[in-house]
Amino acid sequence: MGHTYVKATFFNAVDYIQYLEGKLKLSEVRKVEVKALVDTGATFPALPKEIITELALPSLGKHPAETAEGARKVELAANAIIKIEDRIAQSPVITRPKGTTPLIGVVALEQMGYKVDPTTGKLIKGLPLML
């Protein structure tokens, strides 16, 4: 099957809300478009430090987490709005080292109603906000 990558846009959540309220134009909202690895073993999305900085997402501090390398503290950044195709989600974002691959975790996927087809490795649209 291999890895599943998607084109995703991450928005600064505060800016995006101001856009929805008519206080900012969409062109004024801080955003970054990335090729992200879909990681169904990850809870939250994760972005490299330079993208967190570009989006101006404030740090929420270091929090204990179970990672691929074992239990350790990870830095969590404030909520971002994540858009894949025509669907959006919001989630706090884990800060990764500079130059690493952006990740989309299951929180954002489930909010958008996506699941990964295990035979093709492609995203399948389902109903958003699966509960």
N, C-alpha and C. Protein backbone atom coordinates (compact mmCIF):
# COMPACT_ATOMS: atom_id res chain seq x y z
N MET A 1 0.83 -1.19 0.00
CA MET A 1 0.00 0.00 0.00
C MET A 1 0.87 1.25 0.00
N GLY A 2 1.92 1.33 0.82
CA GLY A 2 2.76 2.52 0.85
C GLY A 2 2.18 3.61 1.73
N HIS A 3 2.69 4.80 1.54
CA HIS A 3 2.25 5.94 2.34
C HIS A 3 1.19 6.75 1.60
N THR A 4 0.33 7.41 2.38
CA THR A 4 -0.71 8.26 1.80
C THR A 4 -0.36 9.71 2.09
N TYR A 5 -0.25 10.50 1.03
CA TYR A 5 0.01 11.93 1.15
C TYR A 5 -1.18 12.70 0.60
N VAL A 6 -1.46 13.86 1.21
CA VAL A 6 -2.54 14.71 0.74
C VAL A 6 -2.06 16.15 0.70
N LYS A 7 -2.69 16.94 -0.17
CA LYS A 7 -2.46 18.38 -0.18
C LYS A 7 -3.39 18.97 0.89
N ALA A 8 -2.81 19.65 1.84
CA ALA A 8 -3.60 20.23 2.94
C ALA A 8 -3.20 21.69 3.13
N THR A 9 -4.17 22.49 3.51
CA THR A 9 -3.91 23.89 3.85
C THR A 9 -4.16 24.07 5.33
N PHE A 10 -3.17 24.64 6.01
CA PHE A 10 -3.29 24.97 7.43
C PHE A 10 -3.46 26.48 7.55
N PHE A 11 -4.48 26.90 8.29
CA PHE A 11 -4.77 28.32 8.51
C PHE A 11 -4.57 28.66 9.98
N ASN A 12 -4.14 29.88 10.26
CA ASN A 12 -4.16 30.40 11.62
C ASN A 12 -5.64 30.49 12.01
N ALA A 13 -6.04 29.80 13.08
CA ALA A 13 -7.47 29.70 13.45
C ALA A 13 -8.07 31.05 13.83
N VAL A 14 -7.31 31.89 14.52
CA VAL A 14 -7.82 33.21 14.93
C VAL A 14 -8.10 34.05 13.68
N ASP A 15 -7.15 34.07 12.74
CA ASP A 15 -7.35 34.80 11.49
C ASP A 15 -8.57 34.27 10.74
N TYR A 16 -8.70 32.93 10.70
CA TYR A 16 -9.79 32.32 9.93
C TYR A 16 -11.15 32.71 10.52
N ILE A 17 -11.24 32.76 11.83
CA ILE A 17 -12.50 33.17 12.47
C ILE A 17 -12.80 34.63 12.14
N GLN A 18 -11.75 35.46 12.14
CA GLN A 18 -11.96 36.86 11.77
C GLN A 18 -12.41 36.98 10.31
N TYR A 19 -11.93 36.10 9.45
CA TYR A 19 -12.41 36.06 8.07
C TYR A 19 -13.90 35.69 8.04
N LEU A 20 -14.29 34.67 8.80
CA LEU A 20 -15.70 34.26 8.83
C LEU A 20 -16.60 35.37 9.36
N GLU A 21 -16.07 36.18 10.28
CA GLU A 21 -16.83 37.29 10.84
C GLU A 21 -16.79 38.53 9.96
N GLY A 22 -16.09 38.47 8.82
CA GLY A 22 -16.01 39.60 7.91
C GLY A 22 -14.99 40.65 8.30
N LYS A 23 -14.11 40.34 9.26
CA LYS A 23 -13.11 41.30 9.73
C LYS A 23 -11.82 41.25 8.93
N LEU A 24 -11.57 40.14 8.25
CA LEU A 24 -10.40 39.97 7.38
C LEU A 24 -10.85 39.42 6.04
N LYS A 25 -10.08 39.73 5.00
CA LYS A 25 -10.27 39.07 3.71
C LYS A 25 -9.55 37.73 3.77
N LEU A 26 -10.00 36.76 2.99
CA LEU A 26 -9.36 35.46 2.98
C LEU A 26 -7.88 35.58 2.62
N SER A 27 -7.54 36.53 1.75
CA SER A 27 -6.14 36.73 1.36
C SER A 27 -5.28 37.24 2.52
N GLU A 28 -5.91 37.75 3.58
CA GLU A 28 -5.18 38.26 4.74
C GLU A 28 -4.98 37.19 5.83
N VAL A 29 -5.63 36.06 5.68
CA VAL A 29 -5.53 34.98 6.66
C VAL A 29 -4.18 34.28 6.46
N ARG A 30 -3.42 34.13 7.54
CA ARG A 30 -2.14 33.42 7.44
C ARG A 30 -2.42 31.95 7.18
N LYS A 31 -1.79 31.43 6.12
CA LYS A 31 -2.01 30.03 5.73
C LYS A 31 -0.77 29.47 5.07
N VAL A 32 -0.67 28.15 5.09
CA VAL A 32 0.43 27.44 4.44
C VAL A 32 -0.15 26.19 3.81
N GLU A 33 0.19 25.96 2.53
CA GLU A 33 -0.23 24.75 1.84
C GLU A 33 0.92 23.76 1.88
N VAL A 34 0.62 22.51 2.25
CA VAL A 34 1.67 21.50 2.41
C VAL A 34 1.24 20.18 1.77
N LYS A 35 2.25 19.35 1.50
CA LYS A 35 2.02 17.95 1.17
C LYS A 35 2.23 17.21 2.48
N ALA A 36 1.16 16.65 3.04
CA ALA A 36 1.21 16.05 4.37
C ALA A 36 1.02 14.54 4.29
N LEU A 37 1.73 13.85 5.18
CA LEU A 37 1.58 12.41 5.31
C LEU A 37 0.37 12.12 6.20
N VAL A 38 -0.53 11.28 5.73
CA VAL A 38 -1.67 10.85 6.54
C VAL A 38 -1.16 9.77 7.49
N ASP A 39 -1.25 10.06 8.80
CA ASP A 39 -0.72 9.13 9.80
C ASP A 39 -1.86 8.71 10.73
N THR A 40 -2.43 7.55 10.45
CA THR A 40 -3.57 7.07 11.25
C THR A 40 -3.13 6.61 12.64
N GLY A 41 -1.84 6.57 12.89
CA GLY A 41 -1.34 6.26 14.22
C GLY A 41 -1.13 7.50 15.07
N ALA A 42 -1.29 8.67 14.47
CA ALA A 42 -1.12 9.94 15.18
C ALA A 42 -2.48 10.50 15.57
N THR A 43 -2.56 11.08 16.75
CA THR A 43 -3.82 11.69 17.18
C THR A 43 -3.99 13.06 16.54
N PHE A 44 -3.02 13.94 16.75
CA PHE A 44 -3.12 15.33 16.28
C PHE A 44 -2.28 15.54 15.03
N PRO A 45 -2.61 16.58 14.27
CA PRO A 45 -1.71 16.95 13.17
C PRO A 45 -0.39 17.47 13.75
N ALA A 46 0.66 17.44 12.95
CA ALA A 46 1.96 17.91 13.38
C ALA A 46 2.62 18.66 12.23
N LEU A 47 3.25 19.79 12.57
CA LEU A 47 3.93 20.61 11.57
C LEU A 47 5.33 20.93 12.04
N PRO A 48 6.26 21.09 11.07
CA PRO A 48 7.61 21.51 11.46
C PRO A 48 7.59 22.93 12.03
N LYS A 49 8.56 23.19 12.89
CA LYS A 49 8.64 24.47 13.61
C LYS A 49 8.55 25.68 12.70
N GLU A 50 9.18 25.64 11.52
CA GLU A 50 9.16 26.82 10.65
C GLU A 50 7.76 27.14 10.13
N ILE A 51 6.91 26.13 9.98
CA ILE A 51 5.53 26.38 9.53
C ILE A 51 4.69 26.90 10.69
N ILE A 52 4.92 26.36 11.90
CA ILE A 52 4.24 26.88 13.09
C ILE A 52 4.54 28.37 13.23
N THR A 53 5.80 28.75 13.02
CA THR A 53 6.22 30.15 13.12
C THR A 53 5.55 30.98 12.03
N GLU A 54 5.52 30.48 10.79
CA GLU A 54 4.90 31.20 9.68
C GLU A 54 3.41 31.44 9.93
N LEU A 55 2.75 30.47 10.55
CA LEU A 55 1.32 30.61 10.86
C LEU A 55 1.08 31.44 12.13
N ALA A 56 2.15 31.73 12.86
CA ALA A 56 2.07 32.49 14.12
C ALA A 56 1.17 31.80 15.14
N LEU A 57 1.32 30.48 15.26
CA LEU A 57 0.55 29.72 16.24
C LEU A 57 1.30 29.74 17.57
N PRO A 58 0.70 30.29 18.63
CA PRO A 58 1.41 30.33 19.90
C PRO A 58 1.54 28.94 20.52
N SER A 59 2.61 28.79 21.31
CA SER A 59 2.84 27.52 21.99
C SER A 59 1.89 27.38 23.17
N LEU A 60 1.39 26.17 23.37
CA LEU A 60 0.58 25.84 24.54
C LEU A 60 1.42 25.11 25.58
N GLY A 61 2.73 25.05 25.36
CA GLY A 61 3.64 24.40 26.30
C GLY A 61 3.94 22.97 25.90
N LYS A 62 4.75 22.33 26.73
CA LYS A 62 5.12 20.92 26.50
C LYS A 62 4.20 20.03 27.31
N HIS A 63 3.75 18.94 26.67
CA HIS A 63 2.79 18.03 27.29
C HIS A 63 3.25 16.59 27.11
N PRO A 64 2.98 15.73 28.11
CA PRO A 64 3.36 14.32 27.97
C PRO A 64 2.59 13.66 26.83
N ALA A 65 3.28 12.82 26.08
CA ALA A 65 2.64 12.14 24.95
C ALA A 65 3.34 10.81 24.69
N GLU A 66 2.62 9.90 24.07
CA GLU A 66 3.18 8.64 23.61
C GLU A 66 3.53 8.85 22.14
N THR A 67 4.80 8.74 21.80
CA THR A 67 5.25 8.96 20.42
C THR A 67 5.85 7.67 19.87
N ALA A 68 6.22 7.71 18.60
CA ALA A 68 6.88 6.56 17.98
C ALA A 68 8.19 6.22 18.69
N GLU A 69 8.81 7.24 19.31
CA GLU A 69 10.06 7.04 20.04
C GLU A 69 9.82 6.69 21.51
N GLY A 70 8.57 6.55 21.93
CA GLY A 70 8.24 6.26 23.32
C GLY A 70 7.64 7.47 24.01
N ALA A 71 7.42 7.36 25.32
CA ALA A 71 6.81 8.44 26.09
C ALA A 71 7.80 9.59 26.25
N ARG A 72 7.32 10.80 25.97
CA ARG A 72 8.14 12.01 26.14
C ARG A 72 7.23 13.22 26.09
N LYS A 73 7.78 14.39 26.33
CA LYS A 73 6.99 15.62 26.24
C LYS A 73 7.11 16.18 24.83
N VAL A 74 5.99 16.65 24.30
CA VAL A 74 5.97 17.29 22.98
C VAL A 74 5.41 18.70 23.13
N GLU A 75 5.87 19.59 22.25
CA GLU A 75 5.35 20.95 22.27
C GLU A 75 4.07 21.01 21.45
N LEU A 76 3.03 21.58 22.06
CA LEU A 76 1.74 21.70 21.41
C LEU A 76 1.51 23.16 21.07
N ALA A 77 1.09 23.43 19.84
CA ALA A 77 0.77 24.79 19.40
C ALA A 77 -0.75 24.96 19.38
N ALA A 78 -1.19 26.20 19.38
CA ALA A 78 -2.62 26.52 19.39
C ALA A 78 -3.32 25.95 18.16
N ASN A 79 -4.64 25.99 18.20
CA ASN A 79 -5.45 25.42 17.12
C ASN A 79 -5.15 26.03 15.75
N ALA A 80 -5.20 25.16 14.76
CA ALA A 80 -5.15 25.56 13.36
C ALA A 80 -6.43 25.04 12.71
N ILE A 81 -6.81 25.68 11.63
CA ILE A 81 -7.87 25.16 10.77
C ILE A 81 -7.16 24.40 9.66
N ILE A 82 -7.59 23.17 9.43
CA ILE A 82 -6.98 22.33 8.40
C ILE A 82 -8.01 22.08 7.32
N LYS A 83 -7.60 22.29 6.07
CA LYS A 83 -8.52 22.06 4.95
C LYS A 83 -7.90 21.04 4.00
N ILE A 84 -8.68 20.00 3.70
CA ILE A 84 -8.33 19.01 2.67
C ILE A 84 -9.52 18.96 1.72
N GLU A 85 -9.24 19.23 0.46
CA GLU A 85 -10.29 19.34 -0.56
C GLU A 85 -11.34 20.35 -0.10
N ASP A 86 -12.59 19.92 0.07
CA ASP A 86 -13.66 20.86 0.44
C ASP A 86 -14.07 20.72 1.90
N ARG A 87 -13.23 20.10 2.73
CA ARG A 87 -13.59 19.84 4.13
C ARG A 87 -12.60 20.51 5.06
N ILE A 88 -13.11 20.93 6.23
CA ILE A 88 -12.24 21.57 7.20
C ILE A 88 -12.38 20.92 8.57
N ALA A 89 -11.33 21.09 9.37
CA ALA A 89 -11.30 20.62 10.75
C ALA A 89 -10.49 21.63 11.55
N GLN A 90 -10.57 21.54 12.86
CA GLN A 90 -9.70 22.36 13.70
C GLN A 90 -9.08 21.48 14.76
N SER A 91 -7.84 21.79 15.11
CA SER A 91 -7.13 20.96 16.08
C SER A 91 -5.90 21.68 16.57
N PRO A 92 -5.49 21.39 17.82
CA PRO A 92 -4.15 21.82 18.21
C PRO A 92 -3.14 21.07 17.34
N VAL A 93 -1.94 21.62 17.24
CA VAL A 93 -0.93 21.06 16.35
C VAL A 93 0.34 20.76 17.15
N ILE A 94 0.90 19.59 16.95
CA ILE A 94 2.17 19.23 17.57
C ILE A 94 3.29 19.89 16.76
N THR A 95 4.24 20.48 17.48
CA THR A 95 5.39 21.11 16.83
C THR A 95 6.48 20.06 16.63
N ARG A 96 6.91 19.91 15.37
CA ARG A 96 7.97 18.95 15.01
C ARG A 96 9.26 19.72 14.70
N PRO A 97 10.38 19.03 14.66
CA PRO A 97 11.64 19.71 14.32
C PRO A 97 11.60 20.31 12.91
N LYS A 98 12.42 21.33 12.70
CA LYS A 98 12.51 21.99 11.38
C LYS A 98 12.84 20.96 10.30
N GLY A 99 12.19 21.14 9.14
CA GLY A 99 12.49 20.30 7.99
C GLY A 99 11.81 18.94 7.97
N THR A 100 10.97 18.64 8.97
CA THR A 100 10.31 17.33 8.99
C THR A 100 9.01 17.37 8.18
N THR A 101 8.47 16.21 7.91
CA THR A 101 7.25 16.08 7.11
C THR A 101 6.01 16.45 7.92
N PRO A 102 5.14 17.30 7.38
CA PRO A 102 3.86 17.58 8.05
C PRO A 102 3.02 16.29 8.13
N LEU A 103 2.27 16.15 9.21
CA LEU A 103 1.41 14.98 9.42
C LEU A 103 -0.03 15.39 9.63
N ILE A 104 -0.95 14.57 9.16
CA ILE A 104 -2.38 14.71 9.45
C ILE A 104 -2.75 13.52 10.33
N GLY A 105 -3.24 13.77 11.54
CA GLY A 105 -3.64 12.70 12.45
C GLY A 105 -5.13 12.41 12.38
N VAL A 106 -5.56 11.45 13.19
CA VAL A 106 -6.95 10.98 13.11
C VAL A 106 -7.97 12.00 13.60
N VAL A 107 -7.59 12.91 14.50
CA VAL A 107 -8.56 13.92 14.96
C VAL A 107 -9.09 14.73 13.78
N ALA A 108 -8.18 15.26 12.97
CA ALA A 108 -8.60 16.05 11.81
C ALA A 108 -9.32 15.18 10.78
N LEU A 109 -8.79 13.98 10.53
CA LEU A 109 -9.44 13.10 9.54
C LEU A 109 -10.88 12.79 9.93
N GLU A 110 -11.10 12.47 11.21
CA GLU A 110 -12.45 12.12 11.64
C GLU A 110 -13.38 13.32 11.63
N GLN A 111 -12.88 14.50 11.99
CA GLN A 111 -13.72 15.70 11.91
C GLN A 111 -14.19 15.94 10.48
N MET A 112 -13.33 15.62 9.51
CA MET A 112 -13.67 15.84 8.10
C MET A 112 -14.41 14.65 7.49
N GLY A 113 -14.46 13.54 8.20
CA GLY A 113 -15.17 12.37 7.68
C GLY A 113 -14.34 11.52 6.75
N TYR A 114 -13.04 11.68 6.77
CA TYR A 114 -12.18 10.86 5.91
C TYR A 114 -11.74 9.58 6.62
N LYS A 115 -11.54 8.55 5.82
CA LYS A 115 -10.88 7.34 6.30
C LYS A 115 -9.95 6.89 5.19
N VAL A 116 -8.98 6.07 5.55
CA VAL A 116 -8.02 5.59 4.57
C VAL A 116 -8.44 4.21 4.12
N ASP A 117 -8.56 4.02 2.80
CA ASP A 117 -8.86 2.71 2.24
C ASP A 117 -7.58 1.87 2.35
N PRO A 118 -7.61 0.77 3.13
CA PRO A 118 -6.40 -0.01 3.34
C PRO A 118 -5.88 -0.72 2.09
N THR A 119 -6.73 -0.91 1.09
CA THR A 119 -6.28 -1.61 -0.11
C THR A 119 -5.62 -0.67 -1.12
N THR A 120 -6.07 0.59 -1.16
CA THR A 120 -5.52 1.55 -2.13
C THR A 120 -4.65 2.61 -1.47
N GLY A 121 -4.82 2.83 -0.17
CA GLY A 121 -4.09 3.88 0.52
C GLY A 121 -4.63 5.27 0.25
N LYS A 122 -5.78 5.36 -0.38
CA LYS A 122 -6.38 6.67 -0.71
C LYS A 122 -7.41 7.06 0.35
N LEU A 123 -7.62 8.37 0.47
CA LEU A 123 -8.66 8.85 1.37
C LEU A 123 -10.03 8.64 0.77
N ILE A 124 -10.96 8.21 1.61
CA ILE A 124 -12.36 8.02 1.21
C ILE A 124 -13.20 8.99 2.03
N LYS A 125 -14.09 9.72 1.35
CA LYS A 125 -14.99 10.63 2.05
C LYS A 125 -16.15 9.86 2.65
N GLY A 126 -16.41 10.13 3.91
CA GLY A 126 -17.58 9.62 4.58
C GLY A 126 -18.35 10.80 5.12
N LEU A 127 -19.18 10.57 6.11
CA LEU A 127 -19.89 11.67 6.74
C LEU A 127 -18.95 12.40 7.69
N PRO A 128 -18.93 13.73 7.62
CA PRO A 128 -18.08 14.48 8.55
C PRO A 128 -18.56 14.31 9.99
N LEU A 129 -17.66 14.57 10.91
CA LEU A 129 -17.95 14.55 12.34
C LEU A 129 -18.51 13.21 12.78
N MET A 130 -17.82 12.14 12.43
CA MET A 130 -18.23 10.81 12.88
C MET A 130 -18.14 10.76 14.39
N LEU A 131 -19.21 10.36 15.05
CA LEU A 131 -19.23 10.31 16.52
C LEU A 131 -19.38 8.89 17.01
